[in-house]
Amino acid sequence: MLTLVCALVPGLAGLLVLVAVELEMVPGVVWPTYHDPATVQFILVGRILPVVIWALGFVLMTRFSLATTVRVADRSSATAAMRRSWTLTRTARLRTTGICLLSTVAVAVAFMVLKWLGTYVAHWAGLFMLATTRDNQWVTGVLVIITPVAVALVLLPLALAPMGVLLACLRERLDGGAGEARAPSGAPIG
């Protein structure tokens, strides 16, 4: 959650820039129409600025990617975990970025596969809905459209859990195994 909050702020800021440009709230920047070419101002503010803001969000996400793991493993406060994550990822920026990119791709692929598998559930749910609503095509159509995404979102934690373990392993490697020794829960320390 800590990492998500750090990445969510720049993500929403980039979207806010796009909304401000579309609502013509930025002076001198006009969204191009079908017949008009894009102006230099639009390209800079409407295209490049959101990408730069989103890139900043990705940098923050990679630098704070270990914050939740540090918080759980070290039982530290949120701010201390964020500071420790920033320190740990300082020396391994390329490795952390690579792992975050691969994790993002793996979760996206898992979502698409789960959504594809959800189409089979949607088929049977649609047939059931037709039978129970006296052939109401509208309700059935909506159900068939949203069911694959709902199935994918329900099953997505199965793909997210290994990503958390991967980040925990990265934290342990970057920490050099110098983390606090933990006794099994319920057992006395020492």
C-alpha atoms as a PDB file:
ATOM      1  CA  MET A   1       0.000   0.000   0.000  1.00  0.00           C
ATOM      2  CA  LEU A   2       2.860   2.382   0.763  1.00  0.00           C
ATOM      3  CA  THR A   3       4.334   1.893  -2.682  1.00  0.00           C
ATOM      4  CA  LEU A   4       0.946   2.198  -4.329  1.00  0.00           C
ATOM      5  CA  VAL A   5       0.245   5.527  -2.608  1.00  0.00           C
ATOM      6  CA  CYS A   6       3.634   6.896  -3.692  1.00  0.00           C
ATOM      7  CA  ALA A   7       2.989   5.911  -7.304  1.00  0.00           C
ATOM      8  CA  LEU A   8      -0.679   6.894  -7.291  1.00  0.00           C
ATOM      9  CA  VAL A   9      -0.067  10.608  -6.643  1.00  0.00           C
ATOM     10  CA  PRO A  10       2.024  11.196  -9.805  1.00  0.00           C
ATOM     11  CA  GLY A  11      -0.292   8.901 -11.764  1.00  0.00           C
ATOM     12  CA  LEU A  12      -3.289  11.014 -10.850  1.00  0.00           C
ATOM     13  CA  ALA A  13      -1.303  14.222 -11.422  1.00  0.00           C
ATOM     14  CA  GLY A  14      -0.568  13.103 -15.006  1.00  0.00           C
ATOM     15  CA  LEU A  15      -4.259  12.387 -15.551  1.00  0.00           C
ATOM     16  CA  LEU A  16      -5.125  15.783 -14.054  1.00  0.00           C
ATOM     17  CA  VAL A  17      -2.891  17.469 -16.640  1.00  0.00           C
ATOM     18  CA  LEU A  18      -4.721  15.638 -19.426  1.00  0.00           C
ATOM     19  CA  VAL A  19      -8.114  16.618 -17.994  1.00  0.00           C
ATOM     20  CA  ALA A  20      -7.032  20.250 -17.626  1.00  0.00           C
ATOM     21  CA  VAL A  21      -5.893  20.317 -21.269  1.00  0.00           C
ATOM     22  CA  GLU A  22      -9.103  18.674 -22.490  1.00  0.00           C
ATOM     23  CA  LEU A  23     -11.280  21.102 -20.516  1.00  0.00           C
ATOM     24  CA  GLU A  24      -9.224  23.981 -21.994  1.00  0.00           C
ATOM     25  CA  MET A  25      -8.120  25.163 -18.558  1.00  0.00           C
ATOM     26  CA  VAL A  26      -4.498  25.600 -19.709  1.00  0.00           C
ATOM     27  CA  PRO A  27      -4.072  28.925 -21.524  1.00  0.00           C
ATOM     28  CA  GLY A  28      -2.688  28.621 -25.044  1.00  0.00           C
ATOM     29  CA  VAL A  29      -3.084  24.831 -25.204  1.00  0.00           C
ATOM     30  CA  VAL A  30      -5.903  23.520 -27.372  1.00  0.00           C
ATOM     31  CA  TRP A  31      -6.743  19.857 -27.904  1.00  0.00           C
ATOM     32  CA  PRO A  32      -6.327  19.214 -31.649  1.00  0.00           C
ATOM     33  CA  THR A  33      -9.350  18.294 -33.691  1.00  0.00           C
ATOM     34  CA  TYR A  34      -9.484  15.824 -36.548  1.00  0.00           C
ATOM     35  CA  HIS A  35      -8.608  18.475 -39.140  1.00  0.00           C
ATOM     36  CA  ASP A  36      -6.198  20.636 -37.133  1.00  0.00           C
ATOM     37  CA  PRO A  37      -2.646  19.504 -36.426  1.00  0.00           C
ATOM     38  CA  ALA A  38      -1.318  19.367 -32.879  1.00  0.00           C
ATOM     39  CA  THR A  39       0.457  22.546 -31.792  1.00  0.00           C
ATOM     40  CA  VAL A  40       3.851  22.584 -30.117  1.00  0.00           C
ATOM     41  CA  GLN A  41       2.205  23.737 -26.883  1.00  0.00           C
ATOM     42  CA  PHE A  42      -0.190  20.767 -26.964  1.00  0.00           C
ATOM     43  CA  ILE A  43       2.613  18.304 -27.647  1.00  0.00           C
ATOM     44  CA  LEU A  44       4.653  19.692 -24.742  1.00  0.00           C
ATOM     45  CA  VAL A  45       1.826  20.038 -22.207  1.00  0.00           C
ATOM     46  CA  GLY A  46      -0.684  17.471 -23.405  1.00  0.00           C
ATOM     47  CA  ARG A  47       1.664  14.646 -24.359  1.00  0.00           C
ATOM     48  CA  ILE A  48       5.172  15.045 -22.946  1.00  0.00           C
ATOM     49  CA  LEU A  49       4.337  16.504 -19.511  1.00  0.00           C
ATOM     50  CA  PRO A  50       2.026  13.620 -18.461  1.00  0.00           C
ATOM     51  CA  VAL A  51       4.640  11.072 -19.572  1.00  0.00           C
ATOM     52  CA  VAL A  52       7.327  12.860 -17.546  1.00  0.00           C
ATOM     53  CA  ILE A  53       5.041  12.919 -14.506  1.00  0.00           C
ATOM     54  CA  TRP A  54       4.241   9.209 -14.940  1.00  0.00           C
ATOM     55  CA  ALA A  55       7.956   8.422 -15.291  1.00  0.00           C
ATOM     56  CA  LEU A  56       8.511  10.216 -11.980  1.00  0.00           C
ATOM     57  CA  GLY A  57       5.765   8.042 -10.503  1.00  0.00           C
ATOM     58  CA  PHE A  58       7.517   4.913 -11.762  1.00  0.00           C
ATOM     59  CA  VAL A  59      10.805   6.080 -10.253  1.00  0.00           C
ATOM     60  CA  LEU A  60       9.066   6.649  -6.917  1.00  0.00           C
ATOM     61  CA  MET A  61       7.387   3.255  -7.187  1.00  0.00           C
ATOM     62  CA  THR A  62      10.698   1.496  -7.724  1.00  0.00           C
ATOM     63  CA  ARG A  63      12.460   3.407  -4.967  1.00  0.00           C
ATOM     64  CA  PHE A  64       9.655   2.756  -2.449  1.00  0.00           C
ATOM     65  CA  SER A  65       8.906  -0.770  -3.683  1.00  0.00           C
ATOM     66  CA  LEU A  66      10.481  -2.349  -0.611  1.00  0.00           C
ATOM     67  CA  ALA A  67       8.699  -0.137   1.938  1.00  0.00           C
ATOM     68  CA  THR A  68       5.925  -2.610   2.712  1.00  0.00           C
ATOM     69  CA  THR A  69       8.398  -5.475   2.992  1.00  0.00           C
ATOM     70  CA  VAL A  70      10.621  -3.448   5.324  1.00  0.00           C
ATOM     71  CA  ARG A  71       7.627  -2.421   7.406  1.00  0.00           C
ATOM     72  CA  VAL A  72       6.499  -6.034   7.858  1.00  0.00           C
ATOM     73  CA  ALA A  73       9.945  -7.574   8.370  1.00  0.00           C
ATOM     74  CA  ASP A  74      11.383  -4.916  10.668  1.00  0.00           C
ATOM     75  CA  ARG A  75       8.126  -3.876  12.352  1.00  0.00           C
ATOM     76  CA  SER A  76       8.993  -0.240  11.704  1.00  0.00           C
ATOM     77  CA  SER A  77       6.828   2.799  11.149  1.00  0.00           C
ATOM     78  CA  ALA A  78       5.692   3.787   7.662  1.00  0.00           C
ATOM     79  CA  THR A  79       8.093   6.708   7.374  1.00  0.00           C
ATOM     80  CA  ALA A  80      11.031   4.652   8.656  1.00  0.00           C
ATOM     81  CA  ALA A  81      10.157   1.900   6.174  1.00  0.00           C
ATOM     82  CA  MET A  82      10.055   4.397   3.322  1.00  0.00           C
ATOM     83  CA  ARG A  83      13.436   5.832   4.332  1.00  0.00           C
ATOM     84  CA  ARG A  84      14.919   2.327   4.571  1.00  0.00           C
ATOM     85  CA  SER A  85      13.471   1.362   1.173  1.00  0.00           C
ATOM     86  CA  TRP A  86      14.958   4.504  -0.367  1.00  0.00           C
ATOM     87  CA  THR A  87      18.353   3.638   1.165  1.00  0.00           C
ATOM     88  CA  LEU A  88      18.257  -0.010   0.082  1.00  0.00           C
ATOM     89  CA  THR A  89      17.301   0.753  -3.514  1.00  0.00           C
ATOM     90  CA  ARG A  90      19.883   3.530  -3.885  1.00  0.00           C
ATOM     91  CA  THR A  91      22.663   1.063  -4.727  1.00  0.00           C
ATOM     92  CA  ALA A  92      20.544  -1.253  -6.898  1.00  0.00           C
ATOM     93  CA  ARG A  93      18.469   1.053  -9.059  1.00  0.00           C
ATOM     94  CA  LEU A  94      18.811  -1.008 -12.223  1.00  0.00           C
ATOM     95  CA  ARG A  95      18.022  -4.307 -10.487  1.00  0.00           C
ATOM     96  CA  THR A  96      15.039  -2.827  -8.653  1.00  0.00           C
ATOM     97  CA  THR A  97      13.712  -1.199 -11.828  1.00  0.00           C
ATOM     98  CA  GLY A  98      14.108  -4.441 -13.746  1.00  0.00           C
ATOM     99  CA  ILE A  99      12.293  -6.443 -11.095  1.00  0.00           C
ATOM    100  CA  CYS A 100       9.478  -3.868 -10.920  1.00  0.00           C
ATOM    101  CA  LEU A 101       9.119  -3.879 -14.722  1.00  0.00           C
ATOM    102  CA  LEU A 102       9.113  -7.675 -14.903  1.00  0.00           C
ATOM    103  CA  SER A 103       6.631  -7.852 -12.030  1.00  0.00           C
ATOM    104  CA  THR A 104       4.361  -5.368 -13.759  1.00  0.00           C
ATOM    105  CA  VAL A 105       4.499  -7.341 -17.001  1.00  0.00           C
ATOM    106  CA  ALA A 106       3.888 -10.626 -15.146  1.00  0.00           C
ATOM    107  CA  VAL A 107       0.850  -9.223 -13.335  1.00  0.00           C
ATOM    108  CA  ALA A 108      -0.514  -7.727 -16.580  1.00  0.00           C
ATOM    109  CA  VAL A 109      -0.108 -11.059 -18.374  1.00  0.00           C
ATOM    110  CA  ALA A 110      -1.720 -12.890 -15.457  1.00  0.00           C
ATOM    111  CA  PHE A 111      -4.638 -10.432 -15.560  1.00  0.00           C
ATOM    112  CA  MET A 112      -5.128 -10.983 -19.289  1.00  0.00           C
ATOM    113  CA  VAL A 113      -5.006 -14.782 -18.895  1.00  0.00           C
ATOM    114  CA  LEU A 114      -7.463 -14.660 -15.990  1.00  0.00           C
ATOM    115  CA  LYS A 115      -9.732 -12.362 -17.988  1.00  0.00           C
ATOM    116  CA  TRP A 116      -9.607 -14.802 -20.907  1.00  0.00           C
ATOM    117  CA  LEU A 117     -10.488 -17.661 -18.568  1.00  0.00           C
ATOM    118  CA  GLY A 118     -13.305 -15.507 -17.219  1.00  0.00           C
ATOM    119  CA  THR A 119     -14.945 -15.530 -20.635  1.00  0.00           C
ATOM    120  CA  TYR A 120     -15.795 -19.187 -20.090  1.00  0.00           C
ATOM    121  CA  VAL A 121     -17.426 -18.324 -16.776  1.00  0.00           C
ATOM    122  CA  ALA A 122     -19.246 -15.449 -18.509  1.00  0.00           C
ATOM    123  CA  HIS A 123     -20.693 -17.811 -21.085  1.00  0.00           C
ATOM    124  CA  TRP A 124     -22.240 -20.092 -18.478  1.00  0.00           C
ATOM    125  CA  ALA A 125     -23.311 -17.137 -16.325  1.00  0.00           C
ATOM    126  CA  GLY A 126     -24.995 -15.612 -19.385  1.00  0.00           C
ATOM    127  CA  LEU A 127     -26.876 -18.801 -20.110  1.00  0.00           C
ATOM    128  CA  PHE A 128     -27.971 -19.001 -16.480  1.00  0.00           C
ATOM    129  CA  MET A 129     -29.042 -15.337 -16.534  1.00  0.00           C
ATOM    130  CA  LEU A 130     -31.083 -15.867 -19.709  1.00  0.00           C
ATOM    131  CA  ALA A 131     -32.862 -18.796 -18.091  1.00  0.00           C
ATOM    132  CA  THR A 132     -33.629 -16.959 -14.846  1.00  0.00           C
ATOM    133  CA  THR A 133     -34.695 -13.582 -16.320  1.00  0.00           C
ATOM    134  CA  ARG A 134     -37.012 -14.871 -19.050  1.00  0.00           C
ATOM    135  CA  ASP A 135     -34.541 -14.131 -21.865  1.00  0.00           C
ATOM    136  CA  ASN A 136     -33.666 -10.575 -20.758  1.00  0.00           C
ATOM    137  CA  GLN A 137     -30.895  -9.777 -23.218  1.00  0.00           C
ATOM    138  CA  TRP A 138     -29.909  -6.475 -21.607  1.00  0.00           C
ATOM    139  CA  VAL A 139     -29.126  -7.869 -18.175  1.00  0.00           C
ATOM    140  CA  THR A 140     -27.436 -10.877 -19.727  1.00  0.00           C
ATOM    141  CA  GLY A 141     -25.327  -8.654 -21.997  1.00  0.00           C
ATOM    142  CA  VAL A 142     -24.110  -6.570 -19.083  1.00  0.00           C
ATOM    143  CA  LEU A 143     -23.316  -9.680 -17.077  1.00  0.00           C
ATOM    144  CA  VAL A 144     -21.367 -11.237 -19.940  1.00  0.00           C
ATOM    145  CA  ILE A 145     -19.358  -8.027 -20.402  1.00  0.00           C
ATOM    146  CA  ILE A 146     -18.374  -7.526 -16.751  1.00  0.00           C
ATOM    147  CA  THR A 147     -17.880 -11.166 -15.693  1.00  0.00           C
ATOM    148  CA  PRO A 148     -14.428 -11.716 -17.280  1.00  0.00           C
ATOM    149  CA  VAL A 149     -13.005  -8.622 -15.590  1.00  0.00           C
ATOM    150  CA  ALA A 150     -14.659  -9.540 -12.279  1.00  0.00           C
ATOM    151  CA  VAL A 151     -13.211 -13.055 -12.420  1.00  0.00           C
ATOM    152  CA  ALA A 152      -9.769 -11.646 -13.217  1.00  0.00           C
ATOM    153  CA  LEU A 153      -9.926  -9.172 -10.331  1.00  0.00           C
ATOM    154  CA  VAL A 154     -11.090 -11.834  -7.879  1.00  0.00           C
ATOM    155  CA  LEU A 155      -8.271 -14.196  -8.873  1.00  0.00           C
ATOM    156  CA  LEU A 156      -5.559 -11.514  -9.281  1.00  0.00           C
ATOM    157  CA  PRO A 157      -4.259 -11.885  -5.689  1.00  0.00           C
ATOM    158  CA  LEU A 158      -3.016 -15.318  -6.751  1.00  0.00           C
ATOM    159  CA  ALA A 159      -0.635 -13.496  -9.119  1.00  0.00           C
ATOM    160  CA  LEU A 160       0.155 -10.645  -6.733  1.00  0.00           C
ATOM    161  CA  ALA A 161       1.302 -12.861  -3.855  1.00  0.00           C
ATOM    162  CA  PRO A 162       4.415 -14.137  -5.675  1.00  0.00           C
ATOM    163  CA  MET A 163       5.313 -10.531  -6.527  1.00  0.00           C
ATOM    164  CA  GLY A 164       5.295  -9.698  -2.809  1.00  0.00           C
ATOM    165  CA  VAL A 165       7.564 -12.668  -2.136  1.00  0.00           C
ATOM    166  CA  LEU A 166       9.851 -11.497  -4.948  1.00  0.00           C
ATOM    167  CA  LEU A 167      10.126  -8.047  -3.349  1.00  0.00           C
ATOM    168  CA  ALA A 168      10.775  -9.643   0.047  1.00  0.00           C
ATOM    169  CA  CYS A 169      13.613 -11.669  -1.477  1.00  0.00           C
ATOM    170  CA  LEU A 170      14.998  -8.528  -3.116  1.00  0.00           C
ATOM    171  CA  ARG A 171      14.878  -6.722   0.218  1.00  0.00           C
ATOM    172  CA  GLU A 172      16.727  -9.556   1.913  1.00  0.00           C
ATOM    173  CA  ARG A 173      19.386  -9.589  -0.792  1.00  0.00           C
ATOM    174  CA  LEU A 174      19.858  -5.816  -0.745  1.00  0.00           C
ATOM    175  CA  ASP A 175      19.934  -5.802   3.035  1.00  0.00           C
ATOM    176  CA  GLY A 176      22.691  -8.399   2.919  1.00  0.00           C
ATOM    177  CA  GLY A 177      20.871 -10.671   5.333  1.00  0.00           C
ATOM    178  CA  ALA A 178      21.435  -8.041   8.033  1.00  0.00           C
ATOM    179  CA  GLY A 179      17.761  -7.823   8.872  1.00  0.00           C
ATOM    180  CA  GLU A 180      16.604  -8.525  12.387  1.00  0.00           C
ATOM    181  CA  ALA A 181      16.494 -12.194  13.344  1.00  0.00           C
ATOM    182  CA  ARG A 182      12.925 -13.260  13.997  1.00  0.00           C
ATOM    183  CA  ALA A 183      11.697 -16.128  16.107  1.00  0.00           C
ATOM    184  CA  PRO A 184       8.658 -18.068  14.950  1.00  0.00           C
ATOM    185  CA  SER A 185       5.438 -16.480  16.154  1.00  0.00           C
ATOM    186  CA  GLY A 186       4.613 -17.536  19.672  1.00  0.00           C
ATOM    187  CA  ALA A 187       8.181 -18.587  20.473  1.00  0.00           C
ATOM    188  CA  PRO A 188      10.244 -16.484  22.869  1.00  0.00           C
ATOM    189  CA  ILE A 189      13.167 -14.560  21.402  1.00  0.00           C
ATOM    190  CA  GLY A 190      16.541 -15.458  22.806  1.00  0.00           C
END
